[in-house]
């Protein structure tokens, strides 16, 4: 099965600064994020599911934006929450 969401995504510009890690974690005074992710719909930068706060999954649940990608140096894989497919 081919995921249409993965086919249709384009690269947005990041909306938030991320030099210090996950902006939401940083704002809450937490520094225990693991990896960063980029929402392919709006450009939000947030922490991954291996991080305690799981901000990118929370963003998907709240906003319904279907695709995120790794925002780690050297990585470009994408994940569709709706179809649970890697792209």
C-alpha atoms as a PDB file:
ATOM      1  CA  UNK A   1       0.000   0.000   0.000  1.00  0.00           C
ATOM      2  CA  UNK A   2       1.333   3.437  -0.917  1.00  0.00           C
ATOM      3  CA  UNK A   3       0.779   6.330   1.455  1.00  0.00           C
ATOM      4  CA  UNK A   4      -0.614   9.393  -0.305  1.00  0.00           C
ATOM      5  CA  UNK A   5       0.380  11.632   2.622  1.00  0.00           C
ATOM      6  CA  UNK A   6       4.044  10.719   2.161  1.00  0.00           C
ATOM      7  CA  UNK A   7       3.822  11.302  -1.600  1.00  0.00           C
ATOM      8  CA  UNK A   8       2.256  14.759  -1.209  1.00  0.00           C
ATOM      9  CA  UNK A   9       4.482  16.294   1.476  1.00  0.00           C
ATOM     10  CA  UNK A  10       6.919  19.080   0.764  1.00  0.00           C
ATOM     11  CA  UNK A  11       9.659  20.448   2.996  1.00  0.00           C
ATOM     12  CA  UNK A  12       8.425  23.354   5.159  1.00  0.00           C
ATOM     13  CA  UNK A  13      10.711  25.868   6.804  1.00  0.00           C
ATOM     14  CA  UNK A  14      11.053  25.186  10.543  1.00  0.00           C
ATOM     15  CA  UNK A  15       8.780  27.489  12.567  1.00  0.00           C
ATOM     16  CA  UNK A  16      10.774  27.473  15.755  1.00  0.00           C
ATOM     17  CA  UNK A  17      14.333  27.769  16.934  1.00  0.00           C
ATOM     18  CA  UNK A  18      15.808  24.407  17.808  1.00  0.00           C
ATOM     19  CA  UNK A  19      19.415  25.101  18.712  1.00  0.00           C
ATOM     20  CA  UNK A  20      18.744  24.170  22.343  1.00  0.00           C
ATOM     21  CA  UNK A  21      16.708  21.074  21.447  1.00  0.00           C
ATOM     22  CA  UNK A  22      12.958  20.655  21.622  1.00  0.00           C
ATOM     23  CA  UNK A  23      11.467  24.162  22.014  1.00  0.00           C
ATOM     24  CA  UNK A  24       8.525  22.858  24.087  1.00  0.00           C
ATOM     25  CA  UNK A  25      10.813  20.905  26.425  1.00  0.00           C
ATOM     26  CA  UNK A  26      13.155  23.867  26.717  1.00  0.00           C
ATOM     27  CA  UNK A  27      10.251  26.211  27.575  1.00  0.00           C
ATOM     28  CA  UNK A  28       9.180  23.824  30.349  1.00  0.00           C
ATOM     29  CA  UNK A  29      12.716  23.655  31.741  1.00  0.00           C
ATOM     30  CA  UNK A  30      13.223  20.049  30.610  1.00  0.00           C
ATOM     31  CA  UNK A  31      16.407  19.007  28.878  1.00  0.00           C
ATOM     32  CA  UNK A  32      15.772  15.276  28.551  1.00  0.00           C
ATOM     33  CA  UNK A  33      14.579  15.201  24.924  1.00  0.00           C
ATOM     34  CA  UNK A  34      16.199  12.544  22.709  1.00  0.00           C
ATOM     35  CA  UNK A  35      15.770  13.412  18.997  1.00  0.00           C
ATOM     36  CA  UNK A  36      14.043  16.176  17.054  1.00  0.00           C
ATOM     37  CA  UNK A  37      11.280  15.841  14.465  1.00  0.00           C
ATOM     38  CA  UNK A  38       9.858  18.315  11.928  1.00  0.00           C
ATOM     39  CA  UNK A  39       6.139  18.500  11.115  1.00  0.00           C
ATOM     40  CA  UNK A  40       5.880  18.402   7.325  1.00  0.00           C
ATOM     41  CA  UNK A  41       2.610  20.384   7.378  1.00  0.00           C
ATOM     42  CA  UNK A  42       3.441  23.397   9.530  1.00  0.00           C
ATOM     43  CA  UNK A  43       7.174  23.242  10.278  1.00  0.00           C
ATOM     44  CA  UNK A  44       6.908  22.709  14.044  1.00  0.00           C
ATOM     45  CA  UNK A  45      10.085  21.269  15.568  1.00  0.00           C
ATOM     46  CA  UNK A  46       9.414  18.926  18.499  1.00  0.00           C
ATOM     47  CA  UNK A  47      10.819  15.904  20.321  1.00  0.00           C
ATOM     48  CA  UNK A  48      10.371  12.268  19.286  1.00  0.00           C
ATOM     49  CA  UNK A  49       8.528   9.355  20.892  1.00  0.00           C
ATOM     50  CA  UNK A  50      11.725   8.208  22.630  1.00  0.00           C
ATOM     51  CA  UNK A  51      11.607  11.481  24.580  1.00  0.00           C
ATOM     52  CA  UNK A  52       9.505  11.592  27.766  1.00  0.00           C
ATOM     53  CA  UNK A  53       7.188  14.387  26.551  1.00  0.00           C
ATOM     54  CA  UNK A  54       6.619  12.987  23.016  1.00  0.00           C
ATOM     55  CA  UNK A  55       5.764  16.462  21.712  1.00  0.00           C
ATOM     56  CA  UNK A  56       5.595  15.512  18.012  1.00  0.00           C
ATOM     57  CA  UNK A  57       3.048  12.749  18.654  1.00  0.00           C
ATOM     58  CA  UNK A  58       1.073  15.169  20.836  1.00  0.00           C
ATOM     59  CA  UNK A  59       1.184  17.696  17.981  1.00  0.00           C
ATOM     60  CA  UNK A  60      -0.192  15.102  15.565  1.00  0.00           C
ATOM     61  CA  UNK A  61      -2.975  14.175  18.009  1.00  0.00           C
ATOM     62  CA  UNK A  62      -3.951  17.822  18.528  1.00  0.00           C
ATOM     63  CA  UNK A  63      -3.578  19.121  14.964  1.00  0.00           C
ATOM     64  CA  UNK A  64      -4.022  16.047  12.770  1.00  0.00           C
ATOM     65  CA  UNK A  65      -0.930  16.816  10.694  1.00  0.00           C
ATOM     66  CA  UNK A  66      -0.134  13.414   9.188  1.00  0.00           C
ATOM     67  CA  UNK A  67       3.600  13.425   8.331  1.00  0.00           C
ATOM     68  CA  UNK A  68       6.762  14.278  10.222  1.00  0.00           C
ATOM     69  CA  UNK A  69      10.398  13.687   9.380  1.00  0.00           C
ATOM     70  CA  UNK A  70      13.547  13.212  11.364  1.00  0.00           C
ATOM     71  CA  UNK A  71      15.230  16.531  12.031  1.00  0.00           C
ATOM     72  CA  UNK A  72      18.516  14.929  13.024  1.00  0.00           C
ATOM     73  CA  UNK A  73      21.665  15.700  10.991  1.00  0.00           C
ATOM     74  CA  UNK A  74      22.135  13.193   8.176  1.00  0.00           C
ATOM     75  CA  UNK A  75      18.625  11.718   8.478  1.00  0.00           C
ATOM     76  CA  UNK A  76      15.763  12.342   6.068  1.00  0.00           C
ATOM     77  CA  UNK A  77      13.256   9.546   6.751  1.00  0.00           C
ATOM     78  CA  UNK A  78       9.597  10.475   7.168  1.00  0.00           C
ATOM     79  CA  UNK A  79       6.725   8.882   9.103  1.00  0.00           C
ATOM     80  CA  UNK A  80       2.999   9.053   8.362  1.00  0.00           C
ATOM     81  CA  UNK A  81       0.945   8.799  11.556  1.00  0.00           C
ATOM     82  CA  UNK A  82      -2.296   8.232   9.630  1.00  0.00           C
ATOM     83  CA  UNK A  83      -1.114   5.241   7.593  1.00  0.00           C
ATOM     84  CA  UNK A  84       1.672   4.141   9.971  1.00  0.00           C
ATOM     85  CA  UNK A  85       4.166   4.044   7.118  1.00  0.00           C
ATOM     86  CA  UNK A  86       7.806   4.989   6.857  1.00  0.00           C
ATOM     87  CA  UNK A  87       8.864   6.923   3.801  1.00  0.00           C
END
